[in-house]
Amino acid sequence: MGFALKLLAAASLAVVTGTGAWAQTANFDPGKTLADTLSAETGGQLKISFETRARYEDRTGNSFGKEPDRSYGLFRNRFGMAYTPVKWIRFSGMVQDSRVPGYGPGAPNNIRDRADLHEAYFELFPGQKTGFGFTAGRAMLNYGEGRLIGTPQWSNVARTYDNARLTYRTNRAQVEVLLISPVKIRTEEFNQPVFGDRIWGVYSTLPNAIGKSLVEVYVLRHDQNRIGGFTGGSRSAGTDRLATNTVGFRMAGPLAAGWKYSVENAWQGGEIGAASQRAEALFGGMNRRWMVGKRPLDLSAEYKYASGTDDPGNVKRSGTFDQLSPANHDKFGHEDIFGWRNLHNVRSLAILGLTKRLAANLMYDSIWLASRRDALYNGSGRAIVRSADGSAGRHVGQELDGYVTCNAGPYLFGGGYGYFFNGEVIRKLTPGAAPTYIYVFSSYSF
């Protein structure tokens, strides 16, 4: 099945441009026509949205040879509604259905969830530029660039949160007090909140705070104290809990000569199990658009760091960064192997606009451990491998990803291939299989 999927991907990439161009030329968008008509007939009070997406994946070398190779389809459908009976209140909801044909029995809950309530929330004073606002319910959330709190849309079952948020806006700033808990996906039952895993605090946004730069400042508390959650110690001893405090900032804006920048820094204290927490994470990136003939070429480079624990045997002190609840897709490579814990990451991305609709992307990542003796962590923050004495070295490996996207109005098509070149850590601590990822996808939304 894997070989057939590779052939399908190659064929799809060959025809994707023509298909997308036909869709745009034909202006075939019955969904938008329906949505616009419904909105107009209700005076803008009722709005609907819809998304259908299909992706076929072939993954080999999973967990560097510890897990079997997989080939399967991913299908996600969403239907949403928003109702604004009066200007000061709006109700929103969304149903999502995620299926994985071809996976076989035991498909995990991060890729499969039959029709369930994905969003259901209300907003007081929606769209108001100044003054107070309040939102409560279940919703997808993203803060900053999603490195600490986000919803990874590439996932077949995107994360959602039960939340309550109080906002105050002025012409120069927005201050938000938030309390959020990730929703637990239950494949055979209705999804439920996990209030024992929660993030709360203050997130402030200051547009044009320094010149034309955006500044965000946050203070966030992450608590976990639940069965099946953090397992850093004995529940009977009262150490099976996590309580970290994260203080940080993010800045982004333009520089001279067409350059743009983004930086983020976060510091952590608190406790993980019985150990006191002292950790840090750092991000810095720059990007610029160039012209190659008449074609745009966007180049970006970035560096990311998250601290690890130098002495894992010390039960009184932890230095491994708690990544909270991130949207990690593409942050450390397109294969989504790693998380923002105990690593150094160098990443570059080149995007060449071949036509107005078609773009070619080339991404490179290199990963090192921040601490040789701490673990290598996956995207959800769990340990993949660990060398307790640090003898496995520091370099994890490199990933090279190439992919093509074709955007034709409400239609999006694409496909890609990724390969991971194992470094010394992987070669010494795992069976050593090199992960590969090939996929083709299409979506339609309004």
Protein backbone atom coordinates (compact mmCIF):
# COMPACT_ATOMS: atom_id res chain seq x y z
CA MET A 1 0.00 0.00 0.00
CA GLY A 2 2.90 2.35 0.74
CA PHE A 3 4.31 2.04 -2.80
CA ALA A 4 0.89 2.67 -4.31
CA LEU A 5 0.53 5.76 -2.15
CA LYS A 6 3.87 7.10 -3.41
CA LEU A 7 2.64 6.67 -6.99
CA LEU A 8 -0.62 8.40 -6.10
CA ALA A 9 1.27 11.32 -4.58
CA ALA A 10 3.46 11.72 -7.65
CA ALA A 11 0.45 11.66 -9.96
CA SER A 12 -1.47 14.10 -7.79
CA LEU A 13 1.36 16.60 -7.76
CA ALA A 14 1.51 16.42 -11.54
CA VAL A 15 -2.15 17.36 -11.99
CA VAL A 16 -2.70 19.60 -8.97
CA THR A 17 -2.04 22.83 -10.86
CA GLY A 18 -4.57 22.08 -13.56
CA THR A 19 -7.22 20.99 -11.10
CA GLY A 20 -6.85 24.09 -8.96
CA ALA A 21 -6.83 26.40 -11.96
CA TRP A 22 -10.04 24.80 -13.29
CA ALA A 23 -11.76 25.28 -9.95
CA GLN A 24 -10.77 28.95 -9.82
CA THR A 25 -11.65 29.63 -13.45
CA ALA A 26 -15.03 27.96 -13.10
CA ASN A 27 -15.64 30.01 -9.91
CA PHE A 28 -17.44 26.94 -8.61
CA ASP A 29 -18.24 27.79 -4.98
CA PRO A 30 -21.85 26.84 -4.13
CA GLY A 31 -21.09 26.85 -0.39
CA LYS A 32 -20.11 30.51 -0.32
CA THR A 33 -23.20 31.40 -2.33
CA LEU A 34 -25.38 29.59 0.22
CA ALA A 35 -23.57 31.21 3.17
CA ASP A 36 -23.81 34.70 1.67
CA THR A 37 -27.51 34.26 0.89
CA LEU A 38 -28.28 33.02 4.39
CA SER A 39 -26.37 35.91 5.96
CA ALA A 40 -28.12 38.45 3.75
CA GLU A 41 -31.58 36.99 4.44
CA THR A 42 -31.02 37.22 8.21
CA GLY A 43 -29.49 40.68 8.19
CA GLY A 44 -26.06 39.26 9.06
CA GLN A 45 -27.34 37.58 12.21
CA LEU A 46 -26.78 33.97 11.10
CA LYS A 47 -23.56 32.79 9.44
CA ILE A 48 -22.43 29.29 8.55
CA SER A 49 -19.07 27.74 7.72
CA PHE A 50 -17.95 24.39 6.35
CA GLU A 51 -14.71 22.51 5.75
CA THR A 52 -13.99 19.14 4.22
CA ARG A 53 -10.43 17.85 4.03
CA ALA A 54 -8.85 14.60 2.86
CA ARG A 55 -5.21 13.58 3.30
CA TYR A 56 -3.44 10.32 2.50
CA GLU A 57 -0.24 9.60 4.42
CA ASP A 58 2.54 7.05 4.22
CA ARG A 59 4.84 7.04 7.26
CA THR A 60 7.83 4.72 7.68
CA GLY A 61 10.45 4.52 10.41
CA ASN A 62 7.94 5.60 13.05
CA SER A 63 9.60 6.25 16.43
CA PHE A 64 12.86 5.44 14.65
CA GLY A 65 11.83 1.82 14.14
CA LYS A 66 10.05 1.20 17.44
CA GLU A 67 6.58 1.38 15.85
CA PRO A 68 5.21 -0.19 12.64
CA ASP A 69 5.04 1.65 9.32
CA ARG A 70 1.63 3.13 8.51
CA SER A 71 -0.35 4.09 5.40
CA TYR A 72 -3.86 5.47 5.83
CA GLY A 73 -6.35 8.16 4.89
CA LEU A 74 -7.37 11.08 7.08
CA PHE A 75 -10.80 12.66 6.55
CA ARG A 76 -12.08 15.66 8.51
CA ASN A 77 -15.40 17.46 8.11
CA ARG A 78 -16.58 20.55 9.99
CA PHE A 79 -19.83 22.47 10.07
CA GLY A 80 -20.08 25.69 12.05
CA MET A 81 -22.73 28.31 12.85
CA ALA A 82 -22.61 31.75 14.46
CA TYR A 83 -25.73 33.61 15.59
CA THR A 84 -25.75 37.28 16.64
CA PRO A 85 -29.30 38.12 17.80
CA VAL A 86 -28.19 41.56 19.07
CA LYS A 87 -24.93 43.48 18.75
CA TRP A 88 -23.71 42.74 22.26
CA ILE A 89 -23.82 38.91 22.18
CA ARG A 90 -22.85 36.17 19.72
CA PHE A 91 -23.27 32.37 19.95
CA SER A 92 -20.96 30.07 17.99
CA GLY A 93 -20.74 26.31 17.54
CA MET A 94 -19.02 23.70 15.39
CA VAL A 95 -19.42 19.96 14.86
CA GLN A 96 -16.33 18.01 13.73
CA ASP A 97 -16.08 14.47 12.39
CA SER A 98 -12.62 12.86 11.94
CA ARG A 99 -12.10 9.42 10.37
CA VAL A 100 -9.04 7.27 9.55
CA PRO A 101 -9.92 4.62 6.93
CA GLY A 102 -7.13 2.15 6.29
CA TYR A 103 -5.48 2.54 9.69
CA GLY A 104 -6.91 -0.65 11.14
CA PRO A 105 -8.16 -1.27 14.69
CA GLY A 106 -6.96 0.85 17.57
CA ALA A 107 -6.60 4.19 15.80
CA PRO A 108 -5.51 6.70 18.48
CA ASN A 109 -7.62 9.65 19.56
CA ASN A 110 -5.25 12.19 18.02
CA ILE A 111 -6.41 11.15 14.53
CA ARG A 112 -9.91 9.68 15.04
CA ASP A 113 -13.02 11.17 16.66
CA ARG A 114 -16.48 10.54 15.31
CA ALA A 115 -18.94 13.44 15.11
CA ASP A 116 -18.62 15.50 18.27
CA LEU A 117 -19.08 19.01 19.57
CA HIS A 118 -15.83 20.78 18.67
CA GLU A 119 -16.81 24.34 19.55
CA ALA A 120 -19.67 25.88 21.56
CA TYR A 121 -19.17 29.31 23.10
CA PHE A 122 -20.66 32.76 23.52
CA GLU A 123 -19.08 36.22 23.29
CA LEU A 124 -20.21 39.40 25.01
CA PHE A 125 -19.55 42.60 23.03
CA PRO A 126 -17.94 40.78 20.06
CA GLY A 127 -15.83 42.91 17.77
CA GLN A 128 -15.85 45.85 20.16
CA LYS A 129 -12.61 47.84 19.77
CA THR A 130 -12.59 49.33 23.27
CA GLY A 131 -14.01 48.34 26.63
CA PHE A 132 -14.72 44.98 28.24
CA GLY A 133 -15.48 41.70 26.51
CA PHE A 134 -16.09 38.18 27.78
CA THR A 135 -15.95 34.76 26.13
CA ALA A 136 -16.81 31.36 27.63
CA GLY A 137 -17.32 27.85 26.32
CA ARG A 138 -15.40 25.46 24.07
CA ALA A 139 -13.20 26.87 21.29
CA MET A 140 -9.98 26.52 19.32
CA LEU A 141 -7.40 29.01 20.63
CA ASN A 142 -4.09 30.44 19.44
CA TYR A 143 -1.82 32.89 21.24
CA GLY A 144 1.17 34.49 19.56
CA GLU A 145 2.61 32.03 17.06
CA GLY A 146 1.24 29.03 18.94
CA ARG A 147 4.49 27.99 20.61
CA LEU A 148 2.91 27.83 24.09
CA ILE A 149 -0.86 27.81 23.51
CA GLY A 150 -2.31 26.83 20.17
CA THR A 151 -4.50 24.59 18.03
CA PRO A 152 -2.54 22.53 15.46
CA GLN A 153 -4.79 22.55 12.41
CA TRP A 154 -2.68 19.96 10.53
CA SER A 155 -3.85 17.39 13.06
CA ASN A 156 -6.89 15.37 12.00
CA VAL A 157 -8.38 16.05 15.44
CA ALA A 158 -7.41 19.65 16.23
CA ARG A 159 -7.12 20.51 19.90
CA THR A 160 -9.90 22.53 21.49
CA TYR A 161 -10.24 24.14 24.93
CA ASP A 162 -12.95 24.73 27.47
CA ASN A 163 -12.26 28.30 28.51
CA ALA A 164 -13.36 31.53 30.13
CA ARG A 165 -11.65 34.80 29.09
CA LEU A 166 -12.20 38.37 30.26
CA THR A 167 -10.79 41.03 27.94
CA TYR A 168 -10.27 44.78 28.28
CA ARG A 169 -9.31 46.77 25.18
CA THR A 170 -8.10 50.30 24.65
CA ASN A 171 -6.80 51.97 21.50
CA ARG A 172 -3.26 51.02 22.52
CA ALA A 173 -3.50 47.69 24.34
CA GLN A 174 -5.50 44.57 25.09
CA VAL A 175 -5.33 42.76 28.43
CA GLU A 176 -6.86 39.31 28.74
CA VAL A 177 -7.41 37.23 31.88
CA LEU A 178 -7.79 33.61 30.85
CA LEU A 179 -8.57 30.17 32.23
CA ILE A 180 -8.35 27.28 29.75
CA SER A 181 -8.38 23.47 29.89
CA PRO A 182 -7.72 21.13 26.94
CA VAL A 183 -10.62 18.89 25.99
CA LYS A 184 -10.00 15.15 26.23
CA ILE A 185 -10.87 13.26 23.04
CA ARG A 186 -13.00 10.19 23.72
CA THR A 187 -13.37 8.25 20.48
CA GLU A 188 -16.46 6.28 21.51
CA GLU A 189 -18.08 8.89 23.77
CA PHE A 190 -18.64 12.62 23.93
CA ASN A 191 -15.48 14.61 24.53
CA GLN A 192 -14.97 15.97 28.04
CA PRO A 193 -13.02 18.82 29.65
CA VAL A 194 -9.96 18.01 31.76
CA PHE A 195 -10.11 20.64 34.50
CA GLY A 196 -7.22 18.94 36.30
CA ASP A 197 -5.04 20.15 33.43
CA ARG A 198 -5.42 23.92 33.17
CA ILE A 199 -3.59 27.10 32.21
CA TRP A 200 -4.56 30.43 33.70
CA GLY A 201 -3.09 33.90 33.89
CA VAL A 202 -2.81 37.20 32.00
CA TYR A 203 -1.90 37.73 28.34
CA SER A 204 -1.37 41.36 27.21
CA THR A 205 -1.05 42.58 23.61
CA LEU A 206 0.35 45.98 22.66
CA PRO A 207 0.25 46.71 18.89
CA ASN A 208 2.73 49.33 17.68
CA ALA A 209 4.26 49.47 21.17
CA ILE A 210 7.78 50.09 19.88
CA GLY A 211 7.62 51.76 16.48
CA LYS A 212 5.58 49.37 14.33
CA SER A 213 6.45 46.33 16.45
CA LEU A 214 3.87 44.23 18.24
CA VAL A 215 4.68 43.37 21.85
CA GLU A 216 3.00 40.60 23.85
CA VAL A 217 3.64 40.02 27.56
CA TYR A 218 2.26 37.07 29.51
CA VAL A 219 2.20 35.48 32.95
CA LEU A 220 0.80 31.93 32.86
CA ARG A 221 0.28 29.23 35.46
CA HIS A 222 0.10 25.58 34.30
CA ASP A 223 -1.43 23.09 36.74
CA GLN A 224 -1.76 19.34 36.31
CA ASN A 225 -3.12 17.17 39.07
CA ARG A 226 -5.21 14.37 37.67
CA ILE A 227 -5.28 10.64 37.14
CA GLY A 228 -3.59 9.75 33.87
CA GLY A 229 -1.91 13.15 33.69
CA PHE A 230 1.52 14.07 34.98
CA THR A 231 3.28 11.06 36.54
CA GLY A 232 6.37 12.63 38.07
CA GLY A 233 5.94 11.04 41.48
CA SER A 234 3.67 9.16 43.84
CA ARG A 235 0.13 10.43 44.28
CA SER A 236 0.14 9.17 47.84
CA ALA A 237 3.21 11.31 48.51
CA GLY A 238 1.51 14.30 46.94
CA THR A 239 4.14 14.67 44.21
CA ASP A 240 2.11 13.57 41.21
CA ARG A 241 1.44 17.14 40.13
CA LEU A 242 2.80 19.89 37.98
CA ALA A 243 2.62 23.58 38.87
CA THR A 244 4.79 25.78 36.65
CA ASN A 245 4.79 29.57 36.35
CA THR A 246 5.78 31.01 32.96
CA VAL A 247 6.69 34.66 32.48
CA GLY A 248 7.56 35.78 28.98
CA PHE A 249 7.27 38.17 26.08
CA ARG A 250 7.05 38.13 22.30
CA MET A 251 7.96 40.89 19.83
CA ALA A 252 7.41 40.95 16.07
CA GLY A 253 7.58 43.62 13.40
CA PRO A 254 9.36 45.12 10.41
CA LEU A 255 13.04 46.01 10.07
CA ALA A 256 14.94 47.92 7.39
CA ALA A 257 15.26 46.78 3.75
CA GLY A 258 12.14 44.62 3.81
CA TRP A 259 13.22 42.36 6.66
CA LYS A 260 10.82 41.21 9.39
CA TYR A 261 11.64 39.71 12.76
CA SER A 262 10.05 37.78 15.60
CA VAL A 263 11.52 36.95 19.04
CA GLU A 264 10.12 35.23 22.12
CA ASN A 265 11.61 34.45 25.52
CA ALA A 266 10.00 32.58 28.42
CA TRP A 267 11.23 31.81 31.95
CA GLN A 268 9.76 29.22 34.28
CA GLY A 269 9.62 28.55 38.00
CA GLY A 270 7.32 26.47 40.16
CA GLU A 271 7.32 22.72 40.79
CA ILE A 272 7.28 19.49 38.81
CA GLY A 273 6.50 16.62 41.14
CA ALA A 274 8.75 17.03 44.17
CA ALA A 275 11.33 19.06 42.24
CA SER A 276 11.56 22.84 41.97
CA GLN A 277 11.38 24.10 38.38
CA ARG A 278 13.92 26.48 36.81
CA ALA A 279 13.72 26.48 33.02
CA GLU A 280 13.87 28.76 29.98
CA ALA A 281 12.96 28.82 26.28
CA LEU A 282 14.03 31.16 23.48
CA PHE A 283 12.98 31.82 19.88
CA GLY A 284 14.40 34.18 17.27
CA GLY A 285 13.56 34.42 13.58
CA MET A 286 13.92 36.66 10.53
CA ASN A 287 12.35 36.61 7.08
CA ARG A 288 12.37 38.61 3.85
CA ARG A 289 10.80 38.48 0.39
CA TRP A 290 13.01 38.56 -2.69
CA MET A 291 12.11 38.54 -6.38
CA VAL A 292 13.55 35.89 -8.70
CA GLY A 293 12.58 37.33 -12.06
CA LYS A 294 8.87 37.92 -11.57
CA ARG A 295 8.49 35.17 -8.98
CA PRO A 296 8.43 35.91 -5.22
CA LEU A 297 10.87 34.00 -3.04
CA ASP A 298 10.28 34.13 0.73
CA LEU A 299 13.28 33.13 2.84
CA SER A 300 13.21 32.67 6.61
CA ALA A 301 15.62 31.41 9.26
CA GLU A 302 15.07 30.81 12.94
CA TYR A 303 16.63 29.39 16.08
CA LYS A 304 14.81 27.79 19.01
CA TYR A 305 16.06 26.65 22.39
CA ALA A 306 14.39 24.98 25.37
CA SER A 307 16.32 23.99 28.46
CA GLY A 308 16.78 20.48 29.80
CA THR A 309 17.79 18.96 33.12
CA ASP A 310 21.56 18.52 33.53
CA ASP A 311 21.19 16.13 36.47
CA PRO A 312 18.11 13.89 35.97
CA GLY A 313 18.98 12.01 39.17
CA ASN A 314 18.39 15.13 41.27
CA VAL A 315 14.81 14.76 42.51
CA LYS A 316 14.85 18.24 44.03
CA ARG A 317 15.50 20.26 40.87
CA SER A 318 14.12 20.22 37.32
CA GLY A 319 15.33 22.26 34.35
CA THR A 320 13.23 20.74 31.56
CA PHE A 321 11.02 23.37 29.95
CA ASP A 322 7.27 22.80 30.22
CA GLN A 323 5.92 23.59 26.74
CA LEU A 324 2.34 24.07 28.06
CA SER A 325 -0.13 23.31 25.22
CA PRO A 326 1.51 24.18 21.89
CA ALA A 327 0.65 23.92 18.21
CA ASN A 328 3.92 22.22 17.24
CA HIS A 329 3.23 21.43 13.58
CA ASP A 330 6.11 22.61 11.37
CA LYS A 331 7.96 24.10 14.34
CA PHE A 332 10.69 21.40 14.28
CA GLY A 333 10.14 19.78 10.89
CA HIS A 334 7.15 18.73 8.82
CA GLU A 335 7.14 15.19 10.23
CA ASP A 336 6.10 16.54 13.68
CA ILE A 337 8.48 14.35 15.65
CA PHE A 338 9.73 16.72 18.38
CA GLY A 339 8.49 19.16 21.02
CA TRP A 340 9.89 22.37 22.56
CA ARG A 341 11.78 20.66 25.40
CA ASN A 342 15.54 20.08 25.92
CA LEU A 343 16.68 21.07 22.45
CA HIS A 344 18.47 23.44 20.15
CA ASN A 345 16.83 23.80 16.73
CA VAL A 346 17.99 25.60 13.60
CA ARG A 347 15.36 25.91 10.88
CA SER A 348 15.16 27.47 7.44
CA LEU A 349 12.30 27.72 4.95
CA ALA A 350 12.24 28.82 1.30
CA ILE A 351 8.90 29.41 -0.48
CA LEU A 352 8.97 30.05 -4.24
CA GLY A 353 5.80 31.29 -5.92
CA LEU A 354 5.78 29.39 -9.22
CA THR A 355 2.46 30.94 -10.27
CA LYS A 356 -0.17 33.02 -8.50
CA ARG A 357 -1.69 29.81 -7.13
CA LEU A 358 1.20 27.34 -6.98
CA ALA A 359 4.04 27.47 -4.44
CA ALA A 360 7.03 25.19 -3.83
CA ASN A 361 8.41 24.90 -0.28
CA LEU A 362 11.74 23.57 0.98
CA MET A 363 12.34 23.27 4.73
CA TYR A 364 15.47 22.24 6.65
CA ASP A 365 15.81 21.49 10.36
CA SER A 366 18.69 20.40 12.55
CA ILE A 367 18.17 19.26 16.16
CA TRP A 368 20.56 18.97 19.12
CA LEU A 369 19.91 18.10 22.75
CA ALA A 370 20.32 21.01 25.15
CA SER A 371 21.35 18.56 27.89
CA ARG A 372 23.00 15.26 26.95
CA ARG A 373 21.59 13.54 30.03
CA ASP A 374 17.99 14.63 29.65
CA ALA A 375 15.54 12.95 27.28
CA LEU A 376 14.61 13.70 23.69
CA TYR A 377 10.91 14.65 23.74
CA ASN A 378 8.11 14.23 21.20
CA GLY A 379 5.53 16.80 20.15
CA SER A 380 3.24 16.01 23.08
CA GLY A 381 6.10 16.42 25.57
CA ARG A 382 6.75 12.73 26.31
CA ALA A 383 10.24 11.20 26.33
CA ILE A 384 11.32 9.32 23.20
CA VAL A 385 14.77 8.16 24.38
CA ARG A 386 17.23 9.10 27.12
CA SER A 387 20.94 8.58 27.73
CA ALA A 388 21.27 8.89 31.52
CA ASP A 389 25.07 9.21 31.39
CA GLY A 390 25.11 11.43 28.29
CA SER A 391 27.28 9.02 26.30
CA ALA A 392 24.95 9.05 23.26
CA GLY A 393 26.12 12.55 22.38
CA ARG A 394 24.13 15.63 21.51
CA HIS A 395 23.18 15.71 17.79
CA VAL A 396 19.73 14.22 17.16
CA GLY A 397 19.64 14.63 13.38
CA GLN A 398 18.44 16.67 10.42
CA GLU A 399 15.17 16.79 8.53
CA LEU A 400 14.59 17.87 4.94
CA ASP A 401 11.04 18.53 3.71
CA GLY A 402 9.77 19.48 0.28
CA TYR A 403 6.13 20.19 -0.48
CA VAL A 404 3.90 21.91 -3.03
CA THR A 405 0.63 23.76 -2.41
CA CYS A 406 -1.95 25.05 -4.87
CA ASN A 407 -4.46 27.61 -3.60
CA ALA A 408 -7.49 28.09 -5.83
CA GLY A 409 -9.92 30.21 -3.85
CA PRO A 410 -11.80 27.90 -1.45
CA TYR A 411 -9.95 24.86 -2.84
CA LEU A 412 -6.51 23.86 -1.58
CA PHE A 413 -4.39 21.00 -2.93
CA GLY A 414 -0.91 19.80 -2.16
CA GLY A 415 1.54 17.07 -1.34
CA GLY A 416 5.01 16.58 0.02
CA TYR A 417 7.84 14.38 1.17
CA GLY A 418 10.02 14.47 4.28
CA TYR A 419 13.11 12.51 5.31
CA PHE A 420 14.94 12.49 8.65
CA PHE A 421 18.71 11.95 8.67
CA ASN A 422 19.52 10.29 11.99
CA GLY A 423 22.23 11.79 14.21
CA GLU A 424 24.36 10.05 16.82
CA VAL A 425 21.67 10.19 19.54
CA ILE A 426 19.19 8.29 17.36
CA ARG A 427 21.77 5.83 16.02
CA LYS A 428 22.94 4.89 19.52
CA LEU A 429 19.61 4.78 21.38
CA THR A 430 17.05 3.45 18.86
CA PRO A 431 16.79 0.75 16.17
CA GLY A 432 17.94 3.55 13.84
CA ALA A 433 15.22 3.54 11.20
CA ALA A 434 15.07 6.89 9.37
CA PRO A 435 11.52 8.37 9.50
CA THR A 436 10.00 9.29 6.14
CA TYR A 437 6.71 11.04 5.42
CA ILE A 438 4.84 11.30 2.14
CA TYR A 439 1.36 12.75 1.74
CA VAL A 440 -1.16 14.28 -0.65
CA PHE A 441 -4.18 16.33 0.40
CA SER A 442 -7.11 18.41 -0.77
CA SER A 443 -9.58 20.65 1.04
CA TYR A 444 -12.58 22.85 0.41
CA SER A 445 -13.95 25.44 2.84
CA PHE A 446 -16.24 28.46 3.05
